[in-house]
């Protein structure tokens, strides 16, 4: 299978109401996004699980046209910051690498 035929779970711009989570899931699964919205609304009314699922989707699903999610961007930024701090001493000068 070529990379163009692989189906990817993404937050979509087309059909987006808030963040595109439901429309992305609907497109991926092949059902109407409104059914997913109704399901999440019902889950929210009966225990609040729908809000958590939607928030997790928002954070973990990459946006259409991007390769990384919000969480992955934060991890990468933190890793770059810690790598920079590991190679810099408190005076701001670079430490020699071993």
PDB file of N, CA and C in Angstrom:
ATOM      1  N   UNK A   1       0.837  -1.188   0.000  1.00  0.00           N
ATOM      2  CA  UNK A   1       0.000   0.000   0.000  1.00  0.00           C
ATOM      3  C   UNK A   1       0.879   1.247   0.000  1.00  0.00           C
ATOM      4  N   UNK A   2       0.633   2.140  -0.893  1.00  0.00           N
ATOM      5  CA  UNK A   2       1.427   3.358  -0.911  1.00  0.00           C
ATOM      6  C   UNK A   2       0.953   4.294   0.188  1.00  0.00           C
ATOM      7  N   UNK A   3       1.771   5.281   0.531  1.00  0.00           N
ATOM      8  CA  UNK A   3       1.424   6.202   1.617  1.00  0.00           C
ATOM      9  C   UNK A   3       0.213   7.068   1.275  1.00  0.00           C
ATOM     10  N   UNK A   4      -0.134   7.176   0.010  1.00  0.00           N
ATOM     11  CA  UNK A   4      -1.283   7.986  -0.387  1.00  0.00           C
ATOM     12  C   UNK A   4      -2.608   7.259  -0.148  1.00  0.00           C
ATOM     13  N   UNK A   5      -2.561   5.931  -0.048  1.00  0.00           N
ATOM     14  CA  UNK A   5      -3.766   5.151   0.173  1.00  0.00           C
ATOM     15  C   UNK A   5      -4.043   4.895   1.647  1.00  0.00           C
ATOM     16  N   UNK A   6      -3.126   5.247   2.519  1.00  0.00           N
ATOM     17  CA  UNK A   6      -3.298   5.005   3.942  1.00  0.00           C
ATOM     18  C   UNK A   6      -4.245   6.049   4.524  1.00  0.00           C
ATOM     19  N   UNK A   7      -5.235   5.563   5.243  1.00  0.00           N
ATOM     20  CA  UNK A   7      -6.202   6.443   5.879  1.00  0.00           C
ATOM     21  C   UNK A   7      -5.601   6.932   7.201  1.00  0.00           C
ATOM     22  N   UNK A   8      -5.632   8.239   7.441  1.00  0.00           N
ATOM     23  CA  UNK A   8      -5.051   8.804   8.657  1.00  0.00           C
ATOM     24  C   UNK A   8      -6.123   9.539   9.452  1.00  0.00           C
ATOM     25  N   UNK A   9      -6.100   9.359  10.760  1.00  0.00           N
ATOM     26  CA  UNK A   9      -7.035  10.030  11.651  1.00  0.00           C
ATOM     27  C   UNK A   9      -6.538  11.450  11.897  1.00  0.00           C
ATOM     28  N   UNK A  10      -7.285  12.429  11.422  1.00  0.00           N
ATOM     29  CA  UNK A  10      -6.903  13.841  11.521  1.00  0.00           C
ATOM     30  C   UNK A  10      -8.109  14.671  11.912  1.00  0.00           C
ATOM     31  N   UNK A  11      -7.863  15.804  12.573  1.00  0.00           N
ATOM     32  CA  UNK A  11      -8.916  16.803  12.789  1.00  0.00           C
ATOM     33  C   UNK A  11      -9.066  17.562  11.481  1.00  0.00           C
ATOM     34  N   UNK A  12     -10.274  17.567  10.938  1.00  0.00           N
ATOM     35  CA  UNK A  12     -10.472  18.134   9.611  1.00  0.00           C
ATOM     36  C   UNK A  12     -10.893  19.595   9.673  1.00  0.00           C
ATOM     37  N   UNK A  13     -10.651  20.286   8.578  1.00  0.00           N
ATOM     38  CA  UNK A  13     -11.128  21.662   8.427  1.00  0.00           C
ATOM     39  C   UNK A  13     -12.528  21.685   7.837  1.00  0.00           C
ATOM     40  N   UNK A  14     -12.832  20.703   6.992  1.00  0.00           N
ATOM     41  CA  UNK A  14     -14.132  20.609   6.349  1.00  0.00           C
ATOM     42  C   UNK A  14     -15.140  20.005   7.333  1.00  0.00           C
ATOM     43  N   UNK A  15     -16.197  20.714   7.658  1.00  0.00           N
ATOM     44  CA  UNK A  15     -17.194  20.221   8.593  1.00  0.00           C
ATOM     45  C   UNK A  15     -16.883  20.522  10.038  1.00  0.00           C
ATOM     46  N   UNK A  16     -15.867  21.306  10.271  1.00  0.00           N
ATOM     47  CA  UNK A  16     -15.434  21.642  11.624  1.00  0.00           C
ATOM     48  C   UNK A  16     -16.451  22.556  12.296  1.00  0.00           C
ATOM     49  N   UNK A  17     -16.766  22.254  13.553  1.00  0.00           N
ATOM     50  CA  UNK A  17     -17.596  23.149  14.351  1.00  0.00           C
ATOM     51  C   UNK A  17     -16.739  23.785  15.444  1.00  0.00           C
ATOM     52  N   UNK A  18     -16.028  22.970  16.218  1.00  0.00           N
ATOM     53  CA  UNK A  18     -15.138  23.532  17.242  1.00  0.00           C
ATOM     54  C   UNK A  18     -13.678  23.274  16.853  1.00  0.00           C
ATOM     55  N   UNK A  19     -13.254  22.025  16.944  1.00  0.00           N
ATOM     56  CA  UNK A  19     -11.861  21.721  16.635  1.00  0.00           C
ATOM     57  C   UNK A  19     -11.705  20.694  15.522  1.00  0.00           C
ATOM     58  N   UNK A  20     -12.797  20.175  14.998  1.00  0.00           N
ATOM     59  CA  UNK A  20     -12.728  19.214  13.904  1.00  0.00           C
ATOM     60  C   UNK A  20     -12.556  17.777  14.338  1.00  0.00           C
ATOM     61  N   UNK A  21     -12.721  17.497  15.637  1.00  0.00           N
ATOM     62  CA  UNK A  21     -12.534  16.138  16.135  1.00  0.00           C
ATOM     63  C   UNK A  21     -13.619  15.212  15.589  1.00  0.00           C
ATOM     64  N   UNK A  22     -14.867  15.586  15.750  1.00  0.00           N
ATOM     65  CA  UNK A  22     -15.977  14.726  15.301  1.00  0.00           C
ATOM     66  C   UNK A  22     -15.980  14.547  13.796  1.00  0.00           C
ATOM     67  N   UNK A  23     -15.707  15.611  13.055  1.00  0.00           N
ATOM     68  CA  UNK A  23     -15.675  15.485  11.600  1.00  0.00           C
ATOM     69  C   UNK A  23     -14.496  14.629  11.155  1.00  0.00           C
ATOM     70  N   UNK A  24     -13.380  14.694  11.861  1.00  0.00           N
ATOM     71  CA  UNK A  24     -12.228  13.849  11.540  1.00  0.00           C
ATOM     72  C   UNK A  24     -12.502  12.384  11.816  1.00  0.00           C
ATOM     73  N   UNK A  25     -13.123  12.108  12.958  1.00  0.00           N
ATOM     74  CA  UNK A  25     -13.467  10.726  13.284  1.00  0.00           C
ATOM     75  C   UNK A  25     -14.510  10.199  12.299  1.00  0.00           C
ATOM     76  N   UNK A  26     -15.502  11.025  11.988  1.00  0.00           N
ATOM     77  CA  UNK A  26     -16.527  10.615  11.041  1.00  0.00           C
ATOM     78  C   UNK A  26     -15.960  10.294   9.674  1.00  0.00           C
ATOM     79  N   UNK A  27     -15.039  11.118   9.218  1.00  0.00           N
ATOM     80  CA  UNK A  27     -14.402  10.873   7.914  1.00  0.00           C
ATOM     81  C   UNK A  27     -13.569   9.605   7.956  1.00  0.00           C
ATOM     82  N   UNK A  28     -12.866   9.377   9.065  1.00  0.00           N
ATOM     83  CA  UNK A  28     -12.010   8.198   9.201  1.00  0.00           C
ATOM     84  C   UNK A  28     -12.834   6.911   9.233  1.00  0.00           C
ATOM     85  N   UNK A  29     -13.931   6.940   9.995  1.00  0.00           N
ATOM     86  CA  UNK A  29     -14.768   5.759  10.157  1.00  0.00           C
ATOM     87  C   UNK A  29     -15.741   5.595   8.989  1.00  0.00           C
ATOM     88  N   UNK A  30     -16.085   6.685   8.342  1.00  0.00           N
ATOM     89  CA  UNK A  30     -16.982   6.631   7.209  1.00  0.00           C
ATOM     90  C   UNK A  30     -18.447   6.810   7.582  1.00  0.00           C
ATOM     91  N   UNK A  31     -18.700   7.538   8.672  1.00  0.00           N
ATOM     92  CA  UNK A  31     -20.073   7.837   9.058  1.00  0.00           C
ATOM     93  C   UNK A  31     -20.236   9.347   9.214  1.00  0.00           C
ATOM     94  N   UNK A  32     -21.472   9.781   9.348  1.00  0.00           N
ATOM     95  CA  UNK A  32     -21.761  11.200   9.480  1.00  0.00           C
ATOM     96  C   UNK A  32     -21.213  11.729  10.808  1.00  0.00           C
ATOM     97  N   UNK A  33     -20.565  12.859  10.763  1.00  0.00           N
ATOM     98  CA  UNK A  33     -19.983  13.456  11.959  1.00  0.00           C
ATOM     99  C   UNK A  33     -21.048  13.825  12.984  1.00  0.00           C
ATOM    100  N   UNK A  34     -22.272  14.101  12.517  1.00  0.00           N
ATOM    101  CA  UNK A  34     -23.346  14.451  13.450  1.00  0.00           C
ATOM    102  C   UNK A  34     -23.704  13.285  14.368  1.00  0.00           C
ATOM    103  N   UNK A  35     -23.567  12.047  13.889  1.00  0.00           N
ATOM    104  CA  UNK A  35     -23.804  10.890  14.752  1.00  0.00           C
ATOM    105  C   UNK A  35     -22.776  10.826  15.881  1.00  0.00           C
ATOM    106  N   UNK A  36     -21.548  11.161  15.570  1.00  0.00           N
ATOM    107  CA  UNK A  36     -20.503  11.179  16.600  1.00  0.00           C
ATOM    108  C   UNK A  36     -20.768  12.316  17.576  1.00  0.00           C
ATOM    109  N   UNK A  37     -21.188  13.463  17.066  1.00  0.00           N
ATOM    110  CA  UNK A  37     -21.525  14.590  17.945  1.00  0.00           C
ATOM    111  C   UNK A  37     -22.658  14.229  18.898  1.00  0.00           C
ATOM    112  N   UNK A  38     -23.674  13.558  18.388  1.00  0.00           N
ATOM    113  CA  UNK A  38     -24.799  13.137  19.230  1.00  0.00           C
ATOM    114  C   UNK A  38     -24.318  12.131  20.280  1.00  0.00           C
ATOM    115  N   UNK A  39     -23.487  11.204  19.875  1.00  0.00           N
ATOM    116  CA  UNK A  39     -22.939  10.225  20.818  1.00  0.00           C
ATOM    117  C   UNK A  39     -22.133  10.880  21.925  1.00  0.00           C
ATOM    118  N   UNK A  40     -21.314  11.857  21.575  1.00  0.00           N
ATOM    119  CA  UNK A  40     -20.527  12.558  22.594  1.00  0.00           C
ATOM    120  C   UNK A  40     -21.411  13.414  23.489  1.00  0.00           C
ATOM    121  N   UNK A  41     -22.470  13.989  22.928  1.00  0.00           N
ATOM    122  CA  UNK A  41     -23.399  14.771  23.742  1.00  0.00           C
ATOM    123  C   UNK A  41     -24.107  13.874  24.753  1.00  0.00           C
ATOM    124  N   UNK A  42     -24.530  12.695  24.319  1.00  0.00           N
ATOM    125  CA  UNK A  42     -25.178  11.754  25.233  1.00  0.00           C
ATOM    126  C   UNK A  42     -24.198  11.291  26.298  1.00  0.00           C
ATOM    127  N   UNK A  43     -22.969  10.998  25.905  1.00  0.00           N
ATOM    128  CA  UNK A  43     -21.944  10.582  26.878  1.00  0.00           C
ATOM    129  C   UNK A  43     -21.647  11.705  27.875  1.00  0.00           C
ATOM    130  N   UNK A  44     -21.746  12.952  27.434  1.00  0.00           N
ATOM    131  CA  UNK A  44     -21.528  14.083  28.329  1.00  0.00           C
ATOM    132  C   UNK A  44     -22.667  14.192  29.342  1.00  0.00           C
ATOM    133  N   UNK A  45     -23.878  13.980  28.889  1.00  0.00           N
ATOM    134  CA  UNK A  45     -25.032  14.066  29.792  1.00  0.00           C
ATOM    135  C   UNK A  45     -25.038  12.949  30.829  1.00  0.00           C
ATOM    136  N   UNK A  46     -24.563  11.766  30.462  1.00  0.00           N
ATOM    137  CA  UNK A  46     -24.561  10.624  31.368  1.00  0.00           C
ATOM    138  C   UNK A  46     -23.155  10.351  31.892  1.00  0.00           C
ATOM    139  N   UNK A  47     -22.641  11.268  32.668  1.00  0.00           N
ATOM    140  CA  UNK A  47     -21.360  11.040  33.332  1.00  0.00           C
ATOM    141  C   UNK A  47     -20.243  11.969  32.910  1.00  0.00           C
ATOM    142  N   UNK A  48     -20.405  12.726  31.868  1.00  0.00           N
ATOM    143  CA  UNK A  48     -19.389  13.694  31.468  1.00  0.00           C
ATOM    144  C   UNK A  48     -18.240  13.129  30.654  1.00  0.00           C
ATOM    145  N   UNK A  49     -18.329  11.864  30.277  1.00  0.00           N
ATOM    146  CA  UNK A  49     -17.235  11.234  29.533  1.00  0.00           C
ATOM    147  C   UNK A  49     -17.012  11.871  28.165  1.00  0.00           C
ATOM    148  N   UNK A  50     -18.062  12.385  27.543  1.00  0.00           N
ATOM    149  CA  UNK A  50     -17.955  12.963  26.212  1.00  0.00           C
ATOM    150  C   UNK A  50     -16.997  14.133  26.143  1.00  0.00           C
ATOM    151  N   UNK A  51     -16.995  14.966  27.179  1.00  0.00           N
ATOM    152  CA  UNK A  51     -16.093  16.125  27.206  1.00  0.00           C
ATOM    153  C   UNK A  51     -14.643  15.660  27.258  1.00  0.00           C
ATOM    154  N   UNK A  52     -14.375  14.648  28.067  1.00  0.00           N
ATOM    155  CA  UNK A  52     -13.012  14.118  28.169  1.00  0.00           C
ATOM    156  C   UNK A  52     -12.541  13.480  26.887  1.00  0.00           C
ATOM    157  N   UNK A  53     -13.427  12.737  26.236  1.00  0.00           N
ATOM    158  CA  UNK A  53     -13.075  12.097  24.967  1.00  0.00           C
ATOM    159  C   UNK A  53     -12.792  13.156  23.902  1.00  0.00           C
ATOM    160  N   UNK A  54     -13.631  14.190  23.864  1.00  0.00           N
ATOM    161  CA  UNK A  54     -13.427  15.252  22.875  1.00  0.00           C
ATOM    162  C   UNK A  54     -12.107  15.988  23.147  1.00  0.00           C
ATOM    163  N   UNK A  55     -11.837  16.293  24.414  1.00  0.00           N
ATOM    164  CA  UNK A  55     -10.587  16.987  24.767  1.00  0.00           C
ATOM    165  C   UNK A  55      -9.375  16.135  24.421  1.00  0.00           C
ATOM    166  N   UNK A  56      -9.454  14.830  24.680  1.00  0.00           N
ATOM    167  CA  UNK A  56      -8.342  13.937  24.332  1.00  0.00           C
ATOM    168  C   UNK A  56      -8.134  13.908  22.819  1.00  0.00           C
ATOM    169  N   UNK A  57      -9.231  13.863  22.068  1.00  0.00           N
ATOM    170  CA  UNK A  57      -9.115  13.890  20.613  1.00  0.00           C
ATOM    171  C   UNK A  57      -8.486  15.172  20.120  1.00  0.00           C
ATOM    172  N   UNK A  58      -8.875  16.286  20.730  1.00  0.00           N
ATOM    173  CA  UNK A  58      -8.325  17.593  20.353  1.00  0.00           C
ATOM    174  C   UNK A  58      -6.813  17.625  20.577  1.00  0.00           C
ATOM    175  N   UNK A  59      -6.368  17.067  21.690  1.00  0.00           N
ATOM    176  CA  UNK A  59      -4.946  17.111  22.029  1.00  0.00           C
ATOM    177  C   UNK A  59      -4.119  16.068  21.287  1.00  0.00           C
ATOM    178  N   UNK A  60      -4.712  14.912  20.991  1.00  0.00           N
ATOM    179  CA  UNK A  60      -3.933  13.808  20.439  1.00  0.00           C
ATOM    180  C   UNK A  60      -4.026  13.642  18.932  1.00  0.00           C
ATOM    181  N   UNK A  61      -5.078  14.172  18.321  1.00  0.00           N
ATOM    182  CA  UNK A  61      -5.226  14.048  16.864  1.00  0.00           C
ATOM    183  C   UNK A  61      -4.547  15.224  16.174  1.00  0.00           C
ATOM    184  N   UNK A  62      -3.673  14.951  15.214  1.00  0.00           N
ATOM    185  CA  UNK A  62      -3.071  16.060  14.472  1.00  0.00           C
ATOM    186  C   UNK A  62      -4.102  16.743  13.576  1.00  0.00           C
ATOM    187  N   UNK A  63      -3.889  18.021  13.348  1.00  0.00           N
ATOM    188  CA  UNK A  63      -4.772  18.774  12.475  1.00  0.00           C
ATOM    189  C   UNK A  63      -4.470  18.412  11.027  1.00  0.00           C
ATOM    190  N   UNK A  64      -5.464  18.542  10.185  1.00  0.00           N
ATOM    191  CA  UNK A  64      -5.311  18.262   8.768  1.00  0.00           C
ATOM    192  C   UNK A  64      -4.173  19.123   8.206  1.00  0.00           C
ATOM    193  N   UNK A  65      -3.266  18.480   7.503  1.00  0.00           N
ATOM    194  CA  UNK A  65      -2.135  19.200   6.923  1.00  0.00           C
ATOM    195  C   UNK A  65      -0.905  19.227   7.822  1.00  0.00           C
ATOM    196  N   UNK A  66      -1.007  18.661   9.015  1.00  0.00           N
ATOM    197  CA  UNK A  66       0.133  18.605   9.938  1.00  0.00           C
ATOM    198  C   UNK A  66       0.441  17.157  10.265  1.00  0.00           C
ATOM    199  N   UNK A  67       1.669  16.904  10.686  1.00  0.00           N
ATOM    200  CA  UNK A  67       2.067  15.540  11.022  1.00  0.00           C
ATOM    201  C   UNK A  67       2.045  15.271  12.521  1.00  0.00           C
ATOM    202  N   UNK A  68       2.044  16.323  13.338  1.00  0.00           N
ATOM    203  CA  UNK A  68       2.109  16.124  14.778  1.00  0.00           C
ATOM    204  C   UNK A  68       0.912  16.758  15.478  1.00  0.00           C
ATOM    205  N   UNK A  69       0.558  16.178  16.621  1.00  0.00           N
ATOM    206  CA  UNK A  69      -0.557  16.689  17.410  1.00  0.00           C
ATOM    207  C   UNK A  69      -0.057  17.782  18.361  1.00  0.00           C
ATOM    208  N   UNK A  70      -0.975  18.381  19.084  1.00  0.00           N
ATOM    209  CA  UNK A  70      -0.636  19.408  20.061  1.00  0.00           C
ATOM    210  C   UNK A  70       0.271  18.825  21.138  1.00  0.00           C
ATOM    211  N   UNK A  71      -0.055  17.630  21.617  1.00  0.00           N
ATOM    212  CA  UNK A  71       0.748  16.980  22.664  1.00  0.00           C
ATOM    213  C   UNK A  71       2.143  16.671  22.148  1.00  0.00           C
ATOM    214  N   UNK A  72       2.246  16.158  20.930  1.00  0.00           N
ATOM    215  CA  UNK A  72       3.557  15.851  20.358  1.00  0.00           C
ATOM    216  C   UNK A  72       4.398  17.121  20.189  1.00  0.00           C
ATOM    217  N   UNK A  73       3.769  18.210  19.781  1.00  0.00           N
ATOM    218  CA  UNK A  73       4.490  19.485  19.671  1.00  0.00           C
ATOM    219  C   UNK A  73       5.025  19.937  21.023  1.00  0.00           C
ATOM    220  N   UNK A  74       4.214  19.771  22.085  1.00  0.00           N
ATOM    221  CA  UNK A  74       4.669  20.147  23.428  1.00  0.00           C
ATOM    222  C   UNK A  74       5.830  19.278  23.892  1.00  0.00           C
ATOM    223  N   UNK A  75       5.744  17.965  23.648  1.00  0.00           N
ATOM    224  CA  UNK A  75       6.845  17.073  24.015  1.00  0.00           C
ATOM    225  C   UNK A  75       8.120  17.432  23.262  1.00  0.00           C
ATOM    226  N   UNK A  76       8.002  17.691  21.978  1.00  0.00           N
ATOM    227  CA  UNK A  76       9.172  18.054  21.179  1.00  0.00           C
ATOM    228  C   UNK A  76       9.793  19.352  21.668  1.00  0.00           C
ATOM    229  N   UNK A  77       8.940  20.324  22.004  1.00  0.00           N
ATOM    230  CA  UNK A  77       9.435  21.609  22.499  1.00  0.00           C
ATOM    231  C   UNK A  77      10.150  21.434  23.833  1.00  0.00           C
ATOM    232  N   UNK A  78       9.579  20.610  24.728  1.00  0.00           N
ATOM    233  CA  UNK A  78      10.193  20.357  26.033  1.00  0.00           C
ATOM    234  C   UNK A  78      11.510  19.611  25.870  1.00  0.00           C
ATOM    235  N   UNK A  79      11.535  18.645  24.954  1.00  0.00           N
ATOM    236  CA  UNK A  79      12.762  17.891  24.729  1.00  0.00           C
ATOM    237  C   UNK A  79      13.856  18.794  24.167  1.00  0.00           C
ATOM    238  N   UNK A  80      13.507  19.675  23.252  1.00  0.00           N
ATOM    239  CA  UNK A  80      14.500  20.602  22.699  1.00  0.00           C
ATOM    240  C   UNK A  80      15.012  21.548  23.776  1.00  0.00           C
ATOM    241  N   UNK A  81      14.117  21.985  24.663  1.00  0.00           N
ATOM    242  CA  UNK A  81      14.516  22.880  25.745  1.00  0.00           C
ATOM    243  C   UNK A  81      15.466  22.172  26.709  1.00  0.00           C
ATOM    244  N   UNK A  82      15.156  20.922  27.076  1.00  0.00           N
ATOM    245  CA  UNK A  82      16.014  20.204  28.011  1.00  0.00           C
ATOM    246  C   UNK A  82      17.353  19.857  27.368  1.00  0.00           C
ATOM    247  N   UNK A  83      17.354  19.566  26.077  1.00  0.00           N
ATOM    248  CA  UNK A  83      18.609  19.297  25.379  1.00  0.00           C
ATOM    249  C   UNK A  83      19.475  20.547  25.351  1.00  0.00           C
ATOM    250  N   UNK A  84      18.857  21.708  25.120  1.00  0.00           N
ATOM    251  CA  UNK A  84      19.593  22.961  25.109  1.00  0.00           C
ATOM    252  C   UNK A  84      20.169  23.242  26.499  1.00  0.00           C
ATOM    253  N   UNK A  85      19.385  22.988  27.562  1.00  0.00           N
ATOM    254  CA  UNK A  85      19.849  23.242  28.925  1.00  0.00           C
ATOM    255  C   UNK A  85      20.970  22.286  29.313  1.00  0.00           C
ATOM    256  N   UNK A  86      20.944  21.059  28.786  1.00  0.00           N
ATOM    257  CA  UNK A  86      21.995  20.095  29.085  1.00  0.00           C
ATOM    258  C   UNK A  86      23.339  20.532  28.509  1.00  0.00           C
ATOM    259  N   UNK A  87      23.318  21.293  27.420  1.00  0.00           N
ATOM    260  CA  UNK A  87      24.553  21.704  26.760  1.00  0.00           C
ATOM    261  C   UNK A  87      24.955  23.139  27.103  1.00  0.00           C
ATOM    262  N   UNK A  88      24.256  23.777  28.021  1.00  0.00           N
ATOM    263  CA  UNK A  88      24.558  25.150  28.403  1.00  0.00           C
ATOM    264  C   UNK A  88      24.712  25.215  29.917  1.00  0.00           C
ATOM    265  N   UNK A  89      25.783  25.869  30.394  1.00  0.00           N
ATOM    266  CA  UNK A  89      25.914  26.010  31.842  1.00  0.00           C
ATOM    267  C   UNK A  89      25.189  27.271  32.301  1.00  0.00           C
ATOM    268  N   UNK A  90      25.254  27.558  33.596  1.00  0.00           N
ATOM    269  CA  UNK A  90      24.475  28.659  34.150  1.00  0.00           C
ATOM    270  C   UNK A  90      24.965  30.037  33.710  1.00  0.00           C
ATOM    271  N   UNK A  91      26.174  30.150  33.207  1.00  0.00           N
ATOM    272  CA  UNK A  91      26.672  31.440  32.743  1.00  0.00           C
ATOM    273  C   UNK A  91      26.224  31.729  31.311  1.00  0.00           C
ATOM    274  N   UNK A  92      25.562  30.752  30.690  1.00  0.00           N
ATOM    275  CA  UNK A  92      25.080  30.953  29.331  1.00  0.00           C
ATOM    276  C   UNK A  92      26.057  30.462  28.281  1.00  0.00           C
ATOM    277  N   UNK A  93      27.225  29.945  28.717  1.00  0.00           N
ATOM    278  CA  UNK A  93      28.211  29.442  27.766  1.00  0.00           C
ATOM    279  C   UNK A  93      27.976  27.958  27.519  1.00  0.00           C
ATOM    280  N   UNK A  94      28.309  27.542  26.326  1.00  0.00           N
ATOM    281  CA  UNK A  94      28.097  26.140  25.990  1.00  0.00           C
ATOM    282  C   UNK A  94      29.143  25.275  26.673  1.00  0.00           C
ATOM    283  N   UNK A  95      28.688  24.125  27.181  1.00  0.00           N
ATOM    284  CA  UNK A  95      29.596  23.141  27.772  1.00  0.00           C
ATOM    285  C   UNK A  95      30.225  22.339  26.640  1.00  0.00           C
ATOM    286  N   UNK A  96      31.459  21.926  26.827  1.00  0.00           N
ATOM    287  CA  UNK A  96      32.033  21.048  25.800  1.00  0.00           C
ATOM    288  C   UNK A  96      31.325  19.702  25.817  1.00  0.00           C
ATOM    289  N   UNK A  97      31.020  19.166  24.650  1.00  0.00           N
ATOM    290  CA  UNK A  97      30.338  17.878  24.584  1.00  0.00           C
ATOM    291  C   UNK A  97      31.352  16.775  24.727  1.00  0.00           C
ATOM    292  N   UNK A  98      30.945  15.726  25.417  1.00  0.00           N
ATOM    293  CA  UNK A  98      31.858  14.621  25.687  1.00  0.00           C
ATOM    294  C   UNK A  98      31.600  13.475  24.779  1.00  0.00           C
TER     295      UNK A  98
END
